[in-house]
Amino acid sequence: MCKRLIEDSVRIDESISQAIAHLAFALDLGEGLSDNEHLAVKRLLNVCRKYGNYPVFRELILKGFQKLVDKGHILMYDDLSNTDKELLDSGPSYTIPWDIAFKPDSSSTPARPVFDASSKTSAGCSLNDNLVKGRADLVNLFGMVLGWLVGPIGVIGDISQFYNRVLLNKDHWKFQKVVWFENLDHNTELKRGILRTLIYGVRCVSAQMKHVKKLLQAKIREDAVNPYYEEVANFIRDCFYVDDGGCSVKSFD
């Protein structure tokens, strides 16, 4: 049942050459959810109190958050069309609270927002309570690492902004609302927006991304014009765990 819900929630839009997904709801759409913006703001105020008075931390946090805005992964509510605003304001919705995860060894994003879709609303349910999880394939992880070790030459790589490569269908934008303050200053006007892509912290997205890779393999094989395409498809199938890939080869040729 979970597998079918995951597979049915993702498709490739040929007109834009990009994957689009609905959130994979196990329950009726938005069942048990209530307006939780006040709870998300409370969590945001905690972030402001912890880091807002420390310029070094504040700059790192704002850089990570602004990166999502600059790349169009977060859209400002005020910039949306009236039709899109009506979709956001109709029926149950959810505002995803966020905190900060620090990763000092990362040169691109040493501090990034971590979205908590498991935060309960006053009705007692979270967004994640409504979604299916799918299955994490740890066997693939073991096979990938073993395959990388056995050959004389190792090849590694990752997919940049993996989850953000899949757009969220507009009908489900209302379940990924987000709030923030300019410069982490709680005295400024509260800003509202939506996460228009899949995002880490939402229960179903890991399994959805796994299915996206299957769709990509099939597309590569369908469009194959030389034998190397088949090798690329096999590499995606056999040598990736989430967004990290690795294998070994006999030579550089």
Protein backbone atom coordinates (compact mmCIF):
# COMPACT_ATOMS: atom_id res chain seq x y z
CA MET A 1 0.00 0.00 0.00
CA CYS A 2 2.78 2.47 0.96
CA LYS A 3 4.74 1.60 -2.17
CA ARG A 4 1.73 2.28 -4.40
CA LEU A 5 1.02 5.61 -2.68
CA ILE A 6 4.65 6.67 -3.14
CA GLU A 7 4.76 5.66 -6.81
CA ASP A 8 1.44 7.34 -7.58
CA SER A 9 2.57 10.58 -5.93
CA VAL A 10 5.49 11.26 -8.32
CA ARG A 11 5.63 11.85 -12.07
CA ILE A 12 7.96 13.33 -14.67
CA ASP A 13 6.55 16.39 -16.41
CA GLU A 14 7.94 16.15 -19.93
CA SER A 15 7.02 19.76 -20.72
CA ILE A 16 9.52 21.08 -18.17
CA SER A 17 11.77 17.99 -17.93
CA GLN A 18 11.35 17.90 -14.17
CA ALA A 19 9.77 15.64 -11.55
CA ILE A 20 6.64 16.84 -9.74
CA ALA A 21 5.21 15.28 -6.60
CA HIS A 22 2.20 15.38 -4.33
CA LEU A 23 2.77 14.61 -0.67
CA ALA A 24 1.96 10.94 -0.11
CA PHE A 25 -0.96 11.13 2.32
CA ALA A 26 -2.01 7.95 4.12
CA LEU A 27 -5.00 9.65 5.75
CA ASP A 28 -7.65 11.84 4.22
CA LEU A 29 -6.06 15.06 3.00
CA GLY A 30 -5.03 17.07 6.04
CA GLU A 31 -6.98 14.95 8.54
CA GLY A 32 -6.26 16.02 12.11
CA LEU A 33 -4.36 19.17 11.10
CA SER A 34 -5.23 22.60 12.46
CA ASP A 35 -3.74 26.05 12.03
CA ASN A 36 -0.31 25.86 13.67
CA GLU A 37 1.34 29.09 12.53
CA HIS A 38 1.49 30.33 16.14
CA LEU A 39 3.49 27.22 17.09
CA ALA A 40 5.86 27.71 14.15
CA VAL A 41 6.35 31.35 15.20
CA LYS A 42 7.12 30.21 18.75
CA ARG A 43 9.86 27.92 17.43
CA LEU A 44 11.14 30.76 15.23
CA LEU A 45 11.35 33.11 18.21
CA ASN A 46 13.47 30.52 19.98
CA VAL A 47 15.90 30.52 17.02
CA CYS A 48 16.01 34.33 17.15
CA ARG A 49 16.74 34.31 20.89
CA LYS A 50 19.50 31.71 20.60
CA TYR A 51 21.35 33.14 17.60
CA GLY A 52 20.04 36.61 16.76
CA ASN A 53 22.53 38.47 18.97
CA TYR A 54 25.57 36.62 17.67
CA PRO A 55 26.60 38.12 14.30
CA VAL A 56 28.72 35.15 13.18
CA PHE A 57 25.95 32.59 13.78
CA ARG A 58 23.28 34.93 12.47
CA GLU A 59 25.16 35.44 9.21
CA LEU A 60 25.61 31.68 8.70
CA ILE A 61 21.93 30.98 9.39
CA LEU A 62 20.67 33.75 7.14
CA LYS A 63 22.96 32.59 4.35
CA GLY A 64 21.55 29.05 4.52
CA PHE A 65 17.95 30.27 4.59
CA GLN A 66 18.47 32.91 1.92
CA LYS A 67 19.93 30.23 -0.34
CA LEU A 68 16.51 28.54 -0.43
CA VAL A 69 14.84 31.86 -1.26
CA ASP A 70 17.38 32.90 -3.91
CA LYS A 71 17.08 29.57 -5.73
CA GLY A 72 13.29 29.81 -5.79
CA HIS A 73 12.71 26.88 -3.44
CA ILE A 74 10.87 29.23 -1.08
CA LEU A 75 8.33 31.62 -2.57
CA MET A 76 7.10 34.72 -0.75
CA TYR A 77 3.38 34.67 -0.02
CA ASP A 78 3.01 38.28 -1.20
CA ASP A 79 4.49 37.38 -4.60
CA LEU A 80 1.94 34.65 -5.31
CA SER A 81 -1.01 35.10 -7.65
CA ASN A 82 -4.50 35.46 -6.20
CA THR A 83 -5.33 31.97 -7.48
CA ASP A 84 -2.35 30.47 -5.65
CA LYS A 85 -3.25 32.37 -2.47
CA GLU A 86 -6.78 30.96 -2.63
CA LEU A 87 -5.32 27.44 -2.80
CA LEU A 88 -3.16 28.14 0.24
CA ASP A 89 -6.06 29.52 2.24
CA SER A 90 -8.56 26.73 1.45
CA GLY A 91 -9.08 23.81 3.83
CA PRO A 92 -6.53 22.32 6.25
CA SER A 93 -2.94 23.58 6.01
CA TYR A 94 0.35 23.26 7.87
CA THR A 95 3.23 25.61 8.68
CA ILE A 96 6.52 23.70 9.05
CA PRO A 97 8.56 24.90 12.07
CA TRP A 98 12.30 25.03 11.60
CA ASP A 99 15.50 25.09 13.59
CA ILE A 100 19.19 25.17 12.69
CA ALA A 101 21.69 22.36 12.04
CA PHE A 102 25.35 23.29 11.94
CA LYS A 103 27.79 21.45 9.71
CA PRO A 104 31.15 23.23 10.07
CA ASP A 105 32.91 21.00 7.52
CA SER A 106 30.50 22.09 4.76
CA SER A 107 31.90 24.81 2.53
CA SER A 108 28.57 25.54 0.82
CA THR A 109 26.08 25.53 3.73
CA PRO A 110 27.74 25.35 7.19
CA ALA A 111 24.38 26.21 8.80
CA ARG A 112 21.07 25.22 7.30
CA PRO A 113 17.43 25.30 8.37
CA VAL A 114 16.08 21.93 9.49
CA PHE A 115 12.34 21.54 8.92
CA ASP A 116 10.29 19.69 11.52
CA ALA A 117 7.16 18.28 9.91
CA SER A 118 6.72 16.06 13.00
CA SER A 119 5.68 19.05 15.12
CA LYS A 120 2.16 18.47 16.44
CA THR A 121 -0.67 20.92 15.86
CA SER A 122 -3.19 21.75 18.58
CA ALA A 123 -5.45 19.07 17.05
CA GLY A 124 -2.86 16.46 18.05
CA CYS A 125 -1.46 15.50 14.63
CA SER A 126 1.57 16.59 12.65
CA LEU A 127 2.05 16.67 8.91
CA ASN A 128 4.25 13.57 9.15
CA ASP A 129 1.50 11.70 11.01
CA ASN A 130 -0.56 12.02 7.82
CA LEU A 131 2.11 10.76 5.43
CA VAL A 132 3.45 7.32 4.50
CA LYS A 133 7.12 6.66 5.09
CA GLY A 134 8.19 4.09 2.51
CA ARG A 135 11.21 1.88 3.07
CA ALA A 136 14.85 2.82 3.45
CA ASP A 137 16.96 0.35 1.48
CA LEU A 138 20.02 -0.20 3.68
CA VAL A 139 21.05 -3.16 1.51
CA ASN A 140 21.79 -0.67 -1.28
CA LEU A 141 24.02 1.26 1.10
CA PHE A 142 26.05 -1.86 1.92
CA GLY A 143 26.34 -2.80 -1.76
CA MET A 144 27.39 0.72 -2.72
CA VAL A 145 30.17 0.86 -0.12
CA LEU A 146 31.39 -2.64 -0.97
CA GLY A 147 31.40 -1.82 -4.70
CA TRP A 148 33.43 1.31 -4.02
CA LEU A 149 36.03 -0.63 -2.01
CA VAL A 150 36.74 -3.62 -4.26
CA GLY A 151 38.22 -1.86 -7.32
CA PRO A 152 41.57 -0.08 -7.62
CA ILE A 153 40.03 3.32 -8.52
CA GLY A 154 37.17 4.84 -6.53
CA VAL A 155 34.55 7.21 -7.97
CA ILE A 156 32.33 9.31 -5.69
CA GLY A 157 29.84 12.10 -6.14
CA ASP A 158 26.56 13.53 -4.91
CA ILE A 159 23.46 15.21 -6.30
CA SER A 160 23.36 18.87 -5.37
CA GLN A 161 20.16 19.96 -3.53
CA PHE A 162 18.68 16.54 -4.14
CA TYR A 163 15.21 16.98 -2.62
CA ASN A 164 14.84 20.48 -4.03
CA ARG A 165 15.09 19.09 -7.57
CA VAL A 166 11.49 17.83 -7.32
CA LEU A 167 8.70 20.41 -7.43
CA LEU A 168 5.72 20.13 -5.12
CA ASN A 169 2.33 20.21 -6.83
CA LYS A 170 0.54 23.50 -6.15
CA ASP A 171 -2.41 21.69 -4.58
CA HIS A 172 -0.11 20.72 -1.70
CA TRP A 173 1.75 24.00 -1.24
CA LYS A 174 -0.56 24.76 1.70
CA PHE A 175 1.04 21.93 3.68
CA GLN A 176 4.51 23.43 3.41
CA LYS A 177 4.05 26.97 4.62
CA VAL A 178 7.03 28.59 6.36
CA VAL A 179 7.62 31.76 8.40
CA TRP A 180 10.73 33.82 9.23
CA PHE A 181 11.94 37.23 10.41
CA GLU A 182 14.25 39.46 8.41
CA ASN A 183 17.76 39.27 9.87
CA LEU A 184 16.40 37.04 12.69
CA ASP A 185 14.98 40.19 14.25
CA HIS A 186 11.65 39.41 15.93
CA ASN A 187 10.83 43.15 15.99
CA THR A 188 10.47 43.15 12.20
CA GLU A 189 7.36 42.11 10.29
CA LEU A 190 6.77 38.35 10.11
CA LYS A 191 7.41 37.02 6.62
CA ARG A 192 5.38 34.16 5.17
CA GLY A 193 6.17 31.86 2.27
CA ILE A 194 5.84 28.35 0.93
CA LEU A 195 8.34 25.61 0.20
CA ARG A 196 7.61 24.77 -3.44
CA THR A 197 9.85 21.69 -3.61
CA LEU A 198 10.23 18.49 -1.65
CA ILE A 199 12.22 19.15 1.51
CA TYR A 200 14.13 17.17 4.12
CA GLY A 201 12.18 16.56 7.33
CA VAL A 202 8.97 15.55 5.55
CA ARG A 203 8.27 11.86 6.06
CA CYS A 204 7.53 10.65 2.54
CA VAL A 205 10.20 12.46 0.56
CA SER A 206 13.04 9.95 0.97
CA ALA A 207 10.96 7.18 -0.60
CA GLN A 208 9.69 9.59 -3.25
CA MET A 209 13.24 10.50 -4.24
CA LYS A 210 14.10 6.82 -4.48
CA HIS A 211 11.24 6.44 -6.96
CA VAL A 212 12.39 9.54 -8.87
CA LYS A 213 15.72 7.77 -9.45
CA LYS A 214 13.84 4.77 -10.86
CA LEU A 215 11.92 7.04 -13.22
CA LEU A 216 15.19 8.68 -14.26
CA GLN A 217 16.79 5.30 -14.99
CA ALA A 218 13.85 4.36 -17.20
CA LYS A 219 14.00 7.72 -19.01
CA ILE A 220 17.74 7.36 -19.66
CA ARG A 221 17.28 3.87 -21.09
CA GLU A 222 14.36 5.04 -23.22
CA ASP A 223 16.44 7.88 -24.70
CA ALA A 224 19.65 5.85 -25.00
CA VAL A 225 21.64 6.68 -28.14
CA ASN A 226 24.89 4.98 -27.16
CA PRO A 227 25.98 2.20 -24.76
CA TYR A 228 27.24 4.66 -22.16
CA TYR A 229 23.66 5.66 -21.37
CA GLU A 230 23.04 2.13 -20.09
CA GLU A 231 26.07 2.44 -17.82
CA VAL A 232 24.76 5.73 -16.45
CA ALA A 233 21.37 4.16 -15.72
CA ASN A 234 23.05 1.22 -13.98
CA PHE A 235 25.20 3.61 -11.95
CA ILE A 236 22.09 5.40 -10.68
CA ARG A 237 20.41 2.06 -9.90
CA ASP A 238 23.31 0.29 -8.19
CA CYS A 239 25.69 2.92 -6.85
CA PHE A 240 23.58 5.52 -5.08
CA TYR A 241 22.24 5.77 -1.56
CA VAL A 242 19.95 8.81 -1.29
CA ASP A 243 22.03 11.57 -2.95
CA ASP A 244 25.50 10.02 -2.54
CA GLY A 245 27.00 7.86 -5.27
CA GLY A 246 30.11 5.74 -5.39
CA CYS A 247 31.64 2.87 -7.32
CA SER A 248 35.04 1.52 -8.32
CA VAL A 249 36.54 0.99 -11.76
CA LYS A 250 39.53 -0.83 -13.17
CA SER A 251 41.01 2.18 -14.93
CA PHE A 252 40.32 5.79 -15.91
CA ASP A 253 39.61 4.76 -19.53
